[in-house]
N, C-alpha and C. Protein backbone atom coordinates (compact mmCIF):
# COMPACT_ATOMS: atom_id res chain seq x y z
N MET A 1 73.71 65.66 99.01
CA MET A 1 73.67 64.31 99.50
C MET A 1 73.35 63.37 98.34
N THR A 2 74.09 62.30 98.21
CA THR A 2 73.82 61.29 97.19
C THR A 2 73.58 59.97 97.89
N SER A 3 73.27 58.93 97.13
CA SER A 3 73.04 57.61 97.72
C SER A 3 74.32 57.02 98.32
N THR A 4 75.48 57.55 97.92
CA THR A 4 76.75 57.03 98.44
C THR A 4 77.41 57.97 99.44
N GLY A 5 76.77 59.07 99.77
CA GLY A 5 77.35 59.99 100.75
C GLY A 5 77.20 61.44 100.34
N ILE A 6 78.02 62.25 100.94
CA ILE A 6 78.01 63.69 100.71
C ILE A 6 78.83 63.98 99.45
N GLU A 7 78.31 64.83 98.58
CA GLU A 7 79.09 65.28 97.43
C GLU A 7 79.17 66.79 97.49
N ILE A 8 80.39 67.29 97.55
CA ILE A 8 80.63 68.73 97.60
C ILE A 8 81.25 69.15 96.28
N ARG A 9 80.54 69.96 95.52
CA ARG A 9 81.07 70.51 94.26
C ARG A 9 81.75 71.83 94.61
N ALA A 10 82.98 72.01 94.16
CA ALA A 10 83.74 73.19 94.56
C ALA A 10 84.54 73.75 93.39
N THR A 11 85.04 74.93 93.59
CA THR A 11 86.01 75.56 92.72
C THR A 11 86.96 76.33 93.62
N THR A 12 87.89 77.06 93.05
CA THR A 12 88.87 77.77 93.86
C THR A 12 88.74 79.27 93.66
N GLY A 13 89.33 79.99 94.57
CA GLY A 13 89.43 81.44 94.44
C GLY A 13 90.78 81.81 93.87
N GLU A 14 91.06 83.09 93.81
CA GLU A 14 92.30 83.60 93.22
C GLU A 14 93.54 83.19 94.01
N ASP A 15 93.40 82.91 95.31
CA ASP A 15 94.56 82.60 96.15
C ASP A 15 95.11 81.20 95.90
N ILE A 16 94.36 80.34 95.25
CA ILE A 16 94.80 78.97 94.97
C ILE A 16 95.36 78.94 93.56
N ALA A 17 96.65 78.57 93.43
CA ALA A 17 97.29 78.63 92.12
C ALA A 17 97.88 77.30 91.67
N SER A 18 97.83 76.25 92.53
CA SER A 18 98.45 74.99 92.15
C SER A 18 97.67 73.81 92.73
N TRP A 19 97.96 72.63 92.19
CA TRP A 19 97.35 71.40 92.69
C TRP A 19 97.73 71.18 94.16
N ALA A 20 98.98 71.46 94.52
CA ALA A 20 99.42 71.31 95.91
C ALA A 20 98.61 72.21 96.84
N GLU A 21 98.31 73.42 96.39
CA GLU A 21 97.51 74.34 97.21
C GLU A 21 96.07 73.85 97.33
N ILE A 22 95.52 73.24 96.28
CA ILE A 22 94.18 72.66 96.36
C ILE A 22 94.18 71.54 97.40
N THR A 23 95.17 70.65 97.33
CA THR A 23 95.26 69.54 98.27
C THR A 23 95.38 70.05 99.71
N HIS A 24 96.19 71.07 99.92
CA HIS A 24 96.34 71.65 101.26
C HIS A 24 95.01 72.25 101.75
N ALA A 25 94.32 72.95 100.87
CA ALA A 25 93.04 73.57 101.25
C ALA A 25 92.00 72.50 101.61
N VAL A 26 91.93 71.43 100.82
CA VAL A 26 90.97 70.35 101.10
C VAL A 26 91.30 69.71 102.45
N SER A 27 92.57 69.41 102.69
CA SER A 27 93.00 68.81 103.96
C SER A 27 92.68 69.73 105.14
N SER A 28 92.96 71.00 104.98
CA SER A 28 92.69 71.97 106.06
C SER A 28 91.19 72.07 106.34
N LEU A 29 90.40 72.15 105.27
CA LEU A 29 88.95 72.26 105.43
C LEU A 29 88.38 71.03 106.14
N LEU A 30 88.71 69.84 105.64
CA LEU A 30 88.18 68.63 106.26
C LEU A 30 88.75 68.40 107.65
N GLY A 31 89.96 68.88 107.90
CA GLY A 31 90.57 68.76 109.22
C GLY A 31 89.86 69.58 110.28
N GLN A 32 89.06 70.55 109.88
CA GLN A 32 88.32 71.38 110.83
C GLN A 32 87.13 70.65 111.45
N VAL A 33 86.74 69.54 110.83
CA VAL A 33 85.61 68.76 111.34
C VAL A 33 86.06 68.08 112.62
N ALA A 34 85.34 68.27 113.70
CA ALA A 34 85.73 67.71 115.00
C ALA A 34 85.30 66.25 115.11
N GLU A 35 86.02 65.37 114.46
CA GLU A 35 85.75 63.94 114.51
C GLU A 35 86.99 63.22 115.00
N GLU A 36 86.87 61.92 115.29
CA GLU A 36 88.00 61.15 115.81
C GLU A 36 88.97 60.71 114.72
N PHE A 37 88.47 60.54 113.49
CA PHE A 37 89.37 60.13 112.42
C PHE A 37 88.98 60.80 111.12
N LEU A 38 89.95 60.88 110.20
CA LEU A 38 89.73 61.46 108.88
C LEU A 38 90.63 60.74 107.89
N VAL A 39 90.03 60.23 106.82
CA VAL A 39 90.77 59.59 105.74
C VAL A 39 90.44 60.36 104.47
N ILE A 40 91.48 60.77 103.73
CA ILE A 40 91.30 61.47 102.45
C ILE A 40 92.04 60.68 101.39
N VAL A 41 91.33 60.32 100.32
CA VAL A 41 91.93 59.55 99.23
C VAL A 41 91.74 60.33 97.92
N PRO A 42 92.85 60.70 97.26
CA PRO A 42 92.72 61.38 95.97
C PRO A 42 92.24 60.40 94.90
N LYS A 43 91.29 60.84 94.07
CA LYS A 43 90.75 60.03 92.97
C LYS A 43 90.68 60.89 91.71
N HIS A 44 91.78 61.52 91.35
CA HIS A 44 91.81 62.49 90.26
C HIS A 44 91.73 61.80 88.90
N THR A 45 91.17 62.54 87.94
CA THR A 45 91.15 62.11 86.55
C THR A 45 91.56 63.30 85.69
N HIS A 46 91.59 63.10 84.40
CA HIS A 46 91.90 64.22 83.51
C HIS A 46 90.73 65.21 83.41
N GLU A 47 89.56 64.84 83.91
CA GLU A 47 88.39 65.72 83.87
C GLU A 47 88.10 66.38 85.21
N THR A 48 88.46 65.71 86.32
CA THR A 48 88.12 66.25 87.64
C THR A 48 89.29 66.12 88.61
N VAL A 49 89.31 67.05 89.56
CA VAL A 49 90.16 66.94 90.74
C VAL A 49 89.20 66.49 91.83
N ARG A 50 89.44 65.31 92.37
CA ARG A 50 88.44 64.67 93.23
C ARG A 50 89.12 64.06 94.46
N TYR A 51 88.51 64.28 95.62
CA TYR A 51 89.00 63.72 96.87
C TYR A 51 87.85 62.97 97.56
N TRP A 52 88.02 61.67 97.78
CA TRP A 52 87.06 60.88 98.56
C TRP A 52 87.46 61.03 100.02
N PHE A 53 86.48 61.12 100.91
CA PHE A 53 86.82 61.23 102.32
C PHE A 53 85.87 60.42 103.19
N MET A 54 86.39 60.04 104.35
CA MET A 54 85.62 59.36 105.38
C MET A 54 86.02 59.99 106.70
N THR A 55 85.05 60.37 107.49
CA THR A 55 85.32 60.97 108.79
C THR A 55 84.27 60.47 109.78
N GLY A 56 84.61 60.47 111.04
CA GLY A 56 83.63 60.02 112.02
C GLY A 56 84.26 59.66 113.35
N SER A 57 83.51 58.84 114.08
CA SER A 57 83.93 58.35 115.39
C SER A 57 83.48 56.90 115.51
N GLN A 58 83.59 56.32 116.69
CA GLN A 58 83.14 54.95 116.89
C GLN A 58 81.62 54.81 116.70
N MET A 59 80.89 55.87 116.93
CA MET A 59 79.42 55.82 116.91
C MET A 59 78.80 56.21 115.57
N HIS A 60 79.47 56.98 114.77
CA HIS A 60 78.89 57.41 113.50
C HIS A 60 80.01 57.81 112.54
N GLY A 61 79.63 58.00 111.29
CA GLY A 61 80.62 58.42 110.31
C GLY A 61 79.96 59.06 109.10
N HIS A 62 80.79 59.63 108.26
CA HIS A 62 80.33 60.29 107.05
C HIS A 62 81.27 59.92 105.91
N LEU A 63 80.71 59.65 104.74
CA LEU A 63 81.46 59.40 103.52
C LEU A 63 81.11 60.48 102.52
N GLY A 64 82.06 60.81 101.68
CA GLY A 64 81.73 61.78 100.65
C GLY A 64 82.89 62.04 99.71
N GLU A 65 82.65 62.97 98.80
CA GLU A 65 83.66 63.39 97.84
C GLU A 65 83.61 64.89 97.67
N ILE A 66 84.77 65.47 97.46
CA ILE A 66 84.87 66.86 97.03
C ILE A 66 85.28 66.78 95.56
N VAL A 67 84.49 67.41 94.70
CA VAL A 67 84.70 67.31 93.26
C VAL A 67 84.88 68.70 92.67
N MET A 68 85.95 68.86 91.88
CA MET A 68 86.20 70.12 91.17
C MET A 68 86.40 69.80 89.70
N GLU A 69 85.57 70.37 88.85
CA GLU A 69 85.71 70.18 87.41
C GLU A 69 86.95 70.95 86.95
N ARG A 70 87.80 70.30 86.17
CA ARG A 70 89.03 70.96 85.73
C ARG A 70 88.75 72.20 84.88
N GLN A 71 87.65 72.21 84.15
CA GLN A 71 87.32 73.39 83.33
C GLN A 71 87.15 74.63 84.19
N ALA A 72 86.71 74.43 85.44
CA ALA A 72 86.49 75.56 86.34
C ALA A 72 87.76 76.00 87.06
N LEU A 73 88.87 75.30 86.79
CA LEU A 73 90.13 75.60 87.46
C LEU A 73 91.15 76.18 86.48
N GLN A 74 90.69 76.99 85.56
CA GLN A 74 91.54 77.54 84.50
C GLN A 74 92.75 78.30 85.03
N CYS A 75 92.63 78.94 86.18
CA CYS A 75 93.73 79.74 86.72
C CYS A 75 94.68 78.94 87.60
N VAL A 76 94.45 77.64 87.73
CA VAL A 76 95.27 76.79 88.59
C VAL A 76 96.24 75.99 87.73
N ASP A 77 97.50 75.98 88.13
CA ASP A 77 98.52 75.20 87.43
C ASP A 77 98.38 73.74 87.86
N LEU A 78 97.88 72.90 86.98
CA LEU A 78 97.69 71.48 87.27
C LEU A 78 98.72 70.61 86.56
N SER A 79 99.86 71.20 86.17
CA SER A 79 100.87 70.44 85.44
C SER A 79 101.44 69.29 86.28
N ALA A 80 101.60 69.48 87.58
CA ALA A 80 102.10 68.39 88.44
C ALA A 80 101.09 67.24 88.49
N LEU A 81 99.82 67.56 88.53
CA LEU A 81 98.78 66.53 88.51
C LEU A 81 98.78 65.81 87.17
N ASP A 82 98.89 66.55 86.08
CA ASP A 82 98.93 65.93 84.75
C ASP A 82 100.11 64.97 84.62
N LYS A 83 101.26 65.37 85.16
CA LYS A 83 102.44 64.49 85.11
C LYS A 83 102.20 63.22 85.91
N MET A 84 101.64 63.36 87.10
CA MET A 84 101.35 62.20 87.94
C MET A 84 100.38 61.26 87.24
N LEU A 85 99.33 61.80 86.64
CA LEU A 85 98.35 60.96 85.94
C LEU A 85 98.99 60.26 84.75
N SER A 86 99.84 60.97 84.01
CA SER A 86 100.54 60.36 82.87
C SER A 86 101.48 59.26 83.33
N ASP A 87 102.21 59.50 84.42
CA ASP A 87 103.12 58.49 84.95
C ASP A 87 102.37 57.23 85.36
N VAL A 88 101.22 57.40 85.96
CA VAL A 88 100.41 56.25 86.39
C VAL A 88 99.92 55.48 85.17
N GLU A 89 99.48 56.20 84.14
CA GLU A 89 98.99 55.54 82.93
C GLU A 89 100.09 54.75 82.23
N GLU A 90 101.33 55.22 82.33
CA GLU A 90 102.45 54.56 81.67
C GLU A 90 103.05 53.41 82.50
N THR A 91 102.64 53.29 83.75
CA THR A 91 103.20 52.24 84.61
C THR A 91 102.60 50.89 84.24
N PRO A 92 103.45 49.91 83.91
CA PRO A 92 102.93 48.57 83.60
C PRO A 92 102.58 47.83 84.88
N TRP A 93 101.32 47.60 85.09
CA TRP A 93 100.90 46.87 86.28
C TRP A 93 100.81 45.45 85.90
């Protein structure tokens, strides 16, 4: 628990081999929470794979992040994530 919500530090097992599989696992895990709504926002960087989430109902809610250090994901192919981050950096806003 942090001052801004729940922080879950995670890594992957051998069955997760790609960024898409990480995203699917995070969505599946958070989808198991029996709440009325769920919002997941990716906030990835070159150092972390990070998902901000908000879940709850009309009466209460929870905010948090799932954070995975890229160094701990050595066996995961993050090339698609790297391309996406590079494309965003090159986009002239």
